[in-house]
Amino acid sequence: MLHVTDVKYLGDYRLWLMFDNGATGRVELEPELWGEMFAPLKDKAAFASVRVDRELGTIAWNNGADFAPEFLLDRLQQEAVA
């Protein structure tokens, strides 16, 4: 099972991620910030409060929002190709 092991806020809506499979890289999440759970993260201060939730094995925010690590790795790989 894939897990996020580290996250760093890079500014705006960009994060640097590290996964337990050794993958690392940047993701841009602004296009994903819509809907009841994610729209509040358009506030950059709220977005910057991102952390690794060890229990979930992924990144999460205080409002309960989180992204599946598989989704994040896919985004990371797509952005590396672009």
PDB file of N, CA and C in Angstrom:
ATOM      1  N   MET A   1       0.837  -1.181   0.000  1.00  0.00           N
ATOM      2  CA  MET A   1       0.000   0.000   0.000  1.00  0.00           C
ATOM      3  C   MET A   1       0.884   1.248   0.000  1.00  0.00           C
ATOM      4  N   LEU A   2       0.568   2.213  -0.820  1.00  0.00           N
ATOM      5  CA  LEU A   2       1.332   3.443  -0.992  1.00  0.00           C
ATOM      6  C   LEU A   2       1.005   4.446   0.109  1.00  0.00           C
ATOM      7  N   HIS A   3       2.044   5.120   0.631  1.00  0.00           N
ATOM      8  CA  HIS A   3       1.855   6.146   1.649  1.00  0.00           C
ATOM      9  C   HIS A   3       2.712   7.371   1.347  1.00  0.00           C
ATOM     10  N   VAL A   4       2.203   8.543   1.708  1.00  0.00           N
ATOM     11  CA  VAL A   4       2.994   9.772   1.686  1.00  0.00           C
ATOM     12  C   VAL A   4       3.754   9.827   3.005  1.00  0.00           C
ATOM     13  N   THR A   5       5.057  10.083   2.930  1.00  0.00           N
ATOM     14  CA  THR A   5       5.874  10.110   4.151  1.00  0.00           C
ATOM     15  C   THR A   5       6.341  11.514   4.529  1.00  0.00           C
ATOM     16  N   ASP A   6       6.300  12.458   3.581  1.00  0.00           N
ATOM     17  CA  ASP A   6       6.728  13.820   3.887  1.00  0.00           C
ATOM     18  C   ASP A   6       6.040  14.782   2.928  1.00  0.00           C
ATOM     19  N   VAL A   7       5.797  16.006   3.405  1.00  0.00           N
ATOM     20  CA  VAL A   7       5.208  17.059   2.581  1.00  0.00           C
ATOM     21  C   VAL A   7       5.834  18.382   2.968  1.00  0.00           C
ATOM     22  N   LYS A   8       6.066  19.217   1.952  1.00  0.00           N
ATOM     23  CA  LYS A   8       6.546  20.573   2.176  1.00  0.00           C
ATOM     24  C   LYS A   8       5.692  21.512   1.330  1.00  0.00           C
ATOM     25  N   TYR A   9       5.237  22.575   1.950  1.00  0.00           N
ATOM     26  CA  TYR A   9       4.479  23.604   1.243  1.00  0.00           C
ATOM     27  C   TYR A   9       5.454  24.465   0.453  1.00  0.00           C
ATOM     28  N   LEU A  10       5.205  24.636  -0.846  1.00  0.00           N
ATOM     29  CA  LEU A  10       6.113  25.377  -1.721  1.00  0.00           C
ATOM     30  C   LEU A  10       5.604  26.759  -2.099  1.00  0.00           C
ATOM     31  N   GLY A  11       4.403  27.109  -1.663  1.00  0.00           N
ATOM     32  CA  GLY A  11       3.814  28.389  -2.052  1.00  0.00           C
ATOM     33  C   GLY A  11       2.641  28.166  -2.982  1.00  0.00           C
ATOM     34  N   ASP A  12       1.757  29.158  -3.006  1.00  0.00           N
ATOM     35  CA  ASP A  12       0.518  29.064  -3.773  1.00  0.00           C
ATOM     36  C   ASP A  12      -0.176  27.748  -3.431  1.00  0.00           C
ATOM     37  N   TYR A  13      -0.392  26.899  -4.424  1.00  0.00           N
ATOM     38  CA  TYR A  13      -1.079  25.613  -4.187  1.00  0.00           C
ATOM     39  C   TYR A  13      -0.183  24.446  -4.587  1.00  0.00           C
ATOM     40  N   ARG A  14       1.129  24.642  -4.420  1.00  0.00           N
ATOM     41  CA  ARG A  14       2.112  23.624  -4.784  1.00  0.00           C
ATOM     42  C   ARG A  14       2.686  22.971  -3.534  1.00  0.00           C
ATOM     43  N   LEU A  15       2.897  21.664  -3.650  1.00  0.00           N
ATOM     44  CA  LEU A  15       3.490  20.891  -2.567  1.00  0.00           C
ATOM     45  C   LEU A  15       4.606  20.020  -3.114  1.00  0.00           C
ATOM     46  N   TRP A  16       5.599  19.771  -2.287  1.00  0.00           N
ATOM     47  CA  TRP A  16       6.619  18.755  -2.563  1.00  0.00           C
ATOM     48  C   TRP A  16       6.245  17.543  -1.718  1.00  0.00           C
ATOM     49  N   LEU A  17       6.235  16.377  -2.343  1.00  0.00           N
ATOM     50  CA  LEU A  17       5.831  15.153  -1.656  1.00  0.00           C
ATOM     51  C   LEU A  17       6.910  14.088  -1.736  1.00  0.00           C
ATOM     52  N   MET A  18       6.953  13.252  -0.702  1.00  0.00           N
ATOM     53  CA  MET A  18       7.796  12.063  -0.703  1.00  0.00           C
ATOM     54  C   MET A  18       6.894  10.877  -0.366  1.00  0.00           C
ATOM     55  N   PHE A  19       7.079   9.793  -1.107  1.00  0.00           N
ATOM     56  CA  PHE A  19       6.288   8.586  -0.915  1.00  0.00           C
ATOM     57  C   PHE A  19       7.168   7.458  -0.390  1.00  0.00           C
ATOM     58  N   ASP A  20       6.541   6.473   0.219  1.00  0.00           N
ATOM     59  CA  ASP A  20       7.314   5.358   0.782  1.00  0.00           C
ATOM     60  C   ASP A  20       7.918   4.446  -0.279  1.00  0.00           C
ATOM     61  N   ASN A  21       7.567   4.653  -1.542  1.00  0.00           N
ATOM     62  CA  ASN A  21       8.198   3.871  -2.616  1.00  0.00           C
ATOM     63  C   ASN A  21       9.419   4.588  -3.191  1.00  0.00           C
ATOM     64  N   GLY A  22       9.798   5.727  -2.576  1.00  0.00           N
ATOM     65  CA  GLY A  22      10.962   6.482  -3.017  1.00  0.00           C
ATOM     66  C   GLY A  22      10.670   7.620  -3.973  1.00  0.00           C
ATOM     67  N   ALA A  23       9.468   7.694  -4.504  1.00  0.00           N
ATOM     68  CA  ALA A  23       9.108   8.769  -5.425  1.00  0.00           C
ATOM     69  C   ALA A  23       9.048  10.095  -4.681  1.00  0.00           C
ATOM     70  N   THR A  24       9.533  11.147  -5.335  1.00  0.00           N
ATOM     71  CA  THR A  24       9.444  12.502  -4.804  1.00  0.00           C
ATOM     72  C   THR A  24       9.135  13.449  -5.949  1.00  0.00           C
ATOM     73  N   GLY A  25       8.575  14.586  -5.610  1.00  0.00           N
ATOM     74  CA  GLY A  25       8.331  15.592  -6.625  1.00  0.00           C
ATOM     75  C   GLY A  25       7.278  16.587  -6.204  1.00  0.00           C
ATOM     76  N   ARG A  26       6.993  17.494  -7.131  1.00  0.00           N
ATOM     77  CA  ARG A  26       6.048  18.585  -6.882  1.00  0.00           C
ATOM     78  C   ARG A  26       4.693  18.289  -7.510  1.00  0.00           C
ATOM     79  N   VAL A  27       3.660  18.757  -6.830  1.00  0.00           N
ATOM     80  CA  VAL A  27       2.306  18.691  -7.386  1.00  0.00           C
ATOM     81  C   VAL A  27       1.638  20.048  -7.237  1.00  0.00           C
ATOM     82  N   GLU A  28       0.827  20.388  -8.205  1.00  0.00           N
ATOM     83  CA  GLU A  28       0.018  21.604  -8.210  1.00  0.00           C
ATOM     84  C   GLU A  28      -1.418  21.165  -7.979  1.00  0.00           C
ATOM     85  N   LEU A  29      -2.030  21.606  -6.885  1.00  0.00           N
ATOM     86  CA  LEU A  29      -3.365  21.117  -6.529  1.00  0.00           C
ATOM     87  C   LEU A  29      -4.481  22.137  -6.705  1.00  0.00           C
ATOM     88  N   GLU A  30      -4.169  23.328  -7.215  1.00  0.00           N
ATOM     89  CA  GLU A  30      -5.223  24.329  -7.377  1.00  0.00           C
ATOM     90  C   GLU A  30      -6.415  23.822  -8.183  1.00  0.00           C
ATOM     91  N   PRO A  31      -6.218  23.072  -9.283  1.00  0.00           N
ATOM     92  CA  PRO A  31      -7.381  22.593 -10.051  1.00  0.00           C
ATOM     93  C   PRO A  31      -8.299  21.655  -9.253  1.00  0.00           C
ATOM     94  N   GLU A  32      -7.818  21.109  -8.167  1.00  0.00           N
ATOM     95  CA  GLU A  32      -8.598  20.154  -7.368  1.00  0.00           C
ATOM     96  C   GLU A  32      -9.355  20.814  -6.217  1.00  0.00           C
ATOM     97  N   LEU A  33      -9.178  22.109  -6.032  1.00  0.00           N
ATOM     98  CA  LEU A  33      -9.755  22.786  -4.872  1.00  0.00           C
ATOM     99  C   LEU A  33     -11.151  23.313  -5.168  1.00  0.00           C
ATOM    100  N   TRP A  34     -12.074  22.394  -5.249  1.00  0.00           N
ATOM    101  CA  TRP A  34     -13.480  22.740  -5.473  1.00  0.00           C
ATOM    102  C   TRP A  34     -14.331  21.774  -4.658  1.00  0.00           C
ATOM    103  N   GLY A  35     -15.571  22.118  -4.484  1.00  0.00           N
ATOM    104  CA  GLY A  35     -16.478  21.282  -3.707  1.00  0.00           C
ATOM    105  C   GLY A  35     -16.414  21.626  -2.226  1.00  0.00           C
ATOM    106  N   GLU A  36     -17.334  21.075  -1.503  1.00  0.00           N
ATOM    107  CA  GLU A  36     -17.507  21.398  -0.084  1.00  0.00           C
ATOM    108  C   GLU A  36     -16.247  21.170   0.754  1.00  0.00           C
ATOM    109  N   MET A  37     -15.526  20.107   0.495  1.00  0.00           N
ATOM    110  CA  MET A  37     -14.371  19.757   1.316  1.00  0.00           C
ATOM    111  C   MET A  37     -13.111  20.538   0.923  1.00  0.00           C
ATOM    112  N   PHE A  38     -12.907  20.753  -0.371  1.00  0.00           N
ATOM    113  CA  PHE A  38     -11.645  21.319  -0.837  1.00  0.00           C
ATOM    114  C   PHE A  38     -11.681  22.820  -1.098  1.00  0.00           C
ATOM    115  N   ALA A  39     -12.842  23.412  -1.386  1.00  0.00           N
ATOM    116  CA  ALA A  39     -12.926  24.853  -1.657  1.00  0.00           C
ATOM    117  C   ALA A  39     -12.358  25.707  -0.522  1.00  0.00           C
ATOM    118  N   PRO A  40     -12.548  25.343   0.751  1.00  0.00           N
ATOM    119  CA  PRO A  40     -11.954  26.168   1.821  1.00  0.00           C
ATOM    120  C   PRO A  40     -10.429  26.245   1.755  1.00  0.00           C
ATOM    121  N   LEU A  41      -9.798  25.317   1.049  1.00  0.00           N
ATOM    122  CA  LEU A  41      -8.339  25.317   0.940  1.00  0.00           C
ATOM    123  C   LEU A  41      -7.831  26.329  -0.083  1.00  0.00           C
ATOM    124  N   LYS A  42      -8.751  27.027  -0.766  1.00  0.00           N
ATOM    125  CA  LYS A  42      -8.326  28.117  -1.645  1.00  0.00           C
ATOM    126  C   LYS A  42      -7.747  29.264  -0.832  1.00  0.00           C
ATOM    127  N   ASP A  43      -8.066  29.297   0.447  1.00  0.00           N
ATOM    128  CA  ASP A  43      -7.410  30.227   1.368  1.00  0.00           C
ATOM    129  C   ASP A  43      -5.984  29.698   1.550  1.00  0.00           C
ATOM    130  N   LYS A  44      -4.997  30.471   1.091  1.00  0.00           N
ATOM    131  CA  LYS A  44      -3.618  29.965   1.082  1.00  0.00           C
ATOM    132  C   LYS A  44      -3.099  29.635   2.474  1.00  0.00           C
ATOM    133  N   ALA A  45      -3.546  30.350   3.483  1.00  0.00           N
ATOM    134  CA  ALA A  45      -3.120  30.028   4.845  1.00  0.00           C
ATOM    135  C   ALA A  45      -3.644  28.655   5.249  1.00  0.00           C
ATOM    136  N   ALA A  46      -4.884  28.366   4.872  1.00  0.00           N
ATOM    137  CA  ALA A  46      -5.448  27.042   5.160  1.00  0.00           C
ATOM    138  C   ALA A  46      -4.703  25.973   4.376  1.00  0.00           C
ATOM    139  N   PHE A  47      -4.444  26.227   3.092  1.00  0.00           N
ATOM    140  CA  PHE A  47      -3.728  25.253   2.265  1.00  0.00           C
ATOM    141  C   PHE A  47      -2.338  24.979   2.832  1.00  0.00           C
ATOM    142  N   ALA A  48      -1.674  26.027   3.298  1.00  0.00           N
ATOM    143  CA  ALA A  48      -0.313  25.897   3.822  1.00  0.00           C
ATOM    144  C   ALA A  48      -0.247  25.068   5.100  1.00  0.00           C
ATOM    145  N   SER A  49      -1.381  24.825   5.740  1.00  0.00           N
ATOM    146  CA  SER A  49      -1.391  24.042   6.985  1.00  0.00           C
ATOM    147  C   SER A  49      -1.355  22.534   6.727  1.00  0.00           C
ATOM    148  N   VAL A  50      -1.076  22.137   5.507  1.00  0.00           N
ATOM    149  CA  VAL A  50      -1.024  20.724   5.138  1.00  0.00           C
ATOM    150  C   VAL A  50      -0.034  19.964   6.025  1.00  0.00           C
ATOM    151  N   ARG A  51      -0.350  18.711   6.282  1.00  0.00           N
ATOM    152  CA  ARG A  51       0.510  17.862   7.103  1.00  0.00           C
ATOM    153  C   ARG A  51       0.358  16.426   6.623  1.00  0.00           C
ATOM    154  N   VAL A  52       1.290  15.573   7.013  1.00  0.00           N
ATOM    155  CA  VAL A  52       1.148  14.138   6.748  1.00  0.00           C
ATOM    156  C   VAL A  52       0.347  13.545   7.898  1.00  0.00           C
ATOM    157  N   ASP A  53      -0.730  12.861   7.553  1.00  0.00           N
ATOM    158  CA  ASP A  53      -1.522  12.131   8.543  1.00  0.00           C
ATOM    159  C   ASP A  53      -1.012  10.697   8.521  1.00  0.00           C
ATOM    160  N   ARG A  54      -0.267  10.321   9.537  1.00  0.00           N
ATOM    161  CA  ARG A  54       0.364   8.991   9.574  1.00  0.00           C
ATOM    162  C   ARG A  54      -0.677   7.872   9.596  1.00  0.00           C
ATOM    163  N   GLU A  55      -1.808   8.129  10.219  1.00  0.00           N
ATOM    164  CA  GLU A  55      -2.856   7.106  10.285  1.00  0.00           C
ATOM    165  C   GLU A  55      -3.453   6.841   8.903  1.00  0.00           C
ATOM    166  N   LEU A  56      -3.671   7.917   8.140  1.00  0.00           N
ATOM    167  CA  LEU A  56      -4.230   7.781   6.792  1.00  0.00           C
ATOM    168  C   LEU A  56      -3.161   7.432   5.759  1.00  0.00           C
ATOM    169  N   GLY A  57      -1.907   7.802   6.052  1.00  0.00           N
ATOM    170  CA  GLY A  57      -0.825   7.549   5.102  1.00  0.00           C
ATOM    171  C   GLY A  57      -0.809   8.514   3.940  1.00  0.00           C
ATOM    172  N   THR A  58      -1.360   9.711   4.151  1.00  0.00           N
ATOM    173  CA  THR A  58      -1.400  10.713   3.098  1.00  0.00           C
ATOM    174  C   THR A  58      -1.416  12.096   3.711  1.00  0.00           C
ATOM    175  N   ILE A  59      -1.521  13.112   2.847  1.00  0.00           N
ATOM    176  CA  ILE A  59      -1.594  14.481   3.343  1.00  0.00           C
ATOM    177  C   ILE A  59      -3.025  14.792   3.754  1.00  0.00           C
ATOM    178  N   ALA A  60      -3.149  15.707   4.708  1.00  0.00           N
ATOM    179  CA  ALA A  60      -4.468  16.086   5.205  1.00  0.00           C
ATOM    180  C   ALA A  60      -4.419  17.512   5.737  1.00  0.00           C
ATOM    181  N   TRP A  61      -5.601  18.064   5.908  1.00  0.00           N
ATOM    182  CA  TRP A  61      -5.756  19.403   6.456  1.00  0.00           C
ATOM    183  C   TRP A  61      -6.694  19.345   7.652  1.00  0.00           C
ATOM    184  N   ASN A  62      -6.710  20.414   8.426  1.00  0.00           N
ATOM    185  CA  ASN A  62      -7.513  20.458   9.651  1.00  0.00           C
ATOM    186  C   ASN A  62      -9.009  20.337   9.416  1.00  0.00           C
ATOM    187  N   ASN A  63      -9.493  20.696   8.227  1.00  0.00           N
ATOM    188  CA  ASN A  63     -10.927  20.592   7.948  1.00  0.00           C
ATOM    189  C   ASN A  63     -11.342  19.174   7.547  1.00  0.00           C
ATOM    190  N   GLY A  64     -10.395  18.236   7.557  1.00  0.00           N
ATOM    191  CA  GLY A  64     -10.699  16.845   7.219  1.00  0.00           C
ATOM    192  C   GLY A  64     -10.429  16.474   5.776  1.00  0.00           C
ATOM    193  N   ALA A  65     -10.044  17.445   4.963  1.00  0.00           N
ATOM    194  CA  ALA A  65      -9.745  17.160   3.556  1.00  0.00           C
ATOM    195  C   ALA A  65      -8.462  16.344   3.452  1.00  0.00           C
ATOM    196  N   ASP A  66      -8.439  15.415   2.505  1.00  0.00           N
ATOM    197  CA  ASP A  66      -7.233  14.651   2.204  1.00  0.00           C
ATOM    198  C   ASP A  66      -7.327  14.136   0.775  1.00  0.00           C
ATOM    199  N   PHE A  67      -6.198  13.774   0.222  1.00  0.00           N
ATOM    200  CA  PHE A  67      -6.129  13.188  -1.114  1.00  0.00           C
ATOM    201  C   PHE A  67      -5.522  11.797  -1.000  1.00  0.00           C
ATOM    202  N   ALA A  68      -6.029  10.867  -1.769  1.00  0.00           N
ATOM    203  CA  ALA A  68      -5.479   9.514  -1.789  1.00  0.00           C
ATOM    204  C   ALA A  68      -4.037   9.573  -2.289  1.00  0.00           C
ATOM    205  N   PRO A  69      -3.139   8.820  -1.670  1.00  0.00           N
ATOM    206  CA  PRO A  69      -1.743   8.850  -2.117  1.00  0.00           C
ATOM    207  C   PRO A  69      -1.582   8.413  -3.574  1.00  0.00           C
ATOM    208  N   GLU A  70      -2.408   7.507  -4.044  1.00  0.00           N
ATOM    209  CA  GLU A  70      -2.334   7.056  -5.438  1.00  0.00           C
ATOM    210  C   GLU A  70      -2.656   8.206  -6.392  1.00  0.00           C
ATOM    211  N   PHE A  71      -3.651   9.022  -6.037  1.00  0.00           N
ATOM    212  CA  PHE A  71      -4.006  10.197  -6.834  1.00  0.00           C
ATOM    213  C   PHE A  71      -2.833  11.175  -6.870  1.00  0.00           C
ATOM    214  N   LEU A  72      -2.233  11.413  -5.717  1.00  0.00           N
ATOM    215  CA  LEU A  72      -1.117  12.351  -5.634  1.00  0.00           C
ATOM    216  C   LEU A  72       0.080  11.870  -6.447  1.00  0.00           C
ATOM    217  N   LEU A  73       0.390  10.585  -6.380  1.00  0.00           N
ATOM    218  CA  LEU A  73       1.503  10.047  -7.156  1.00  0.00           C
ATOM    219  C   LEU A  73       1.221  10.169  -8.649  1.00  0.00           C
ATOM    220  N   ASP A  74      -0.011   9.916  -9.048  1.00  0.00           N
ATOM    221  CA  ASP A  74      -0.386  10.070 -10.456  1.00  0.00           C
ATOM    222  C   ASP A  74      -0.190  11.516 -10.909  1.00  0.00           C
ATOM    223  N   ARG A  75      -0.628  12.470 -10.086  1.00  0.00           N
ATOM    224  CA  ARG A  75      -0.454  13.894 -10.417  1.00  0.00           C
ATOM    225  C   ARG A  75       1.029  14.239 -10.518  1.00  0.00           C
ATOM    226  N   LEU A  76       1.810  13.755  -9.584  1.00  0.00           N
ATOM    227  CA  LEU A  76       3.247  14.003  -9.581  1.00  0.00           C
ATOM    228  C   LEU A  76       3.867  13.490 -10.877  1.00  0.00           C
ATOM    229  N   GLN A  77       3.520  12.286 -11.284  1.00  0.00           N
ATOM    230  CA  GLN A  77       4.078  11.695 -12.496  1.00  0.00           C
ATOM    231  C   GLN A  77       3.602  12.428 -13.747  1.00  0.00           C
ATOM    232  N   GLN A  78       2.343  12.857 -13.781  1.00  0.00           N
ATOM    233  CA  GLN A  78       1.842  13.621 -14.929  1.00  0.00           C
ATOM    234  C   GLN A  78       2.568  14.949 -15.059  1.00  0.00           C
ATOM    235  N   GLU A  79       2.803  15.617 -13.938  1.00  0.00           N
ATOM    236  CA  GLU A  79       3.471  16.909 -13.980  1.00  0.00           C
ATOM    237  C   GLU A  79       4.938  16.772 -14.349  1.00  0.00           C
ATOM    238  N   ALA A  80       5.560  15.655 -13.997  1.00  0.00           N
ATOM    239  CA  ALA A  80       6.960  15.426 -14.355  1.00  0.00           C
ATOM    240  C   ALA A  80       7.109  15.246 -15.855  1.00  0.00           C
ATOM    241  N   VAL A  81       6.096  14.720 -16.518  1.00  0.00           N
ATOM    242  CA  VAL A  81       6.127  14.494 -17.970  1.00  0.00           C
ATOM    243  C   VAL A  81       5.840  15.787 -18.727  1.00  0.00           C
ATOM    244  N   ALA A  82       4.976  16.619 -18.153  1.00  0.00           N
ATOM    245  CA  ALA A  82       4.526  17.855 -18.839  1.00  0.00           C
ATOM    246  C   ALA A  82       5.635  18.869 -18.981  1.00  0.00           C
TER     247      ALA A  82
END
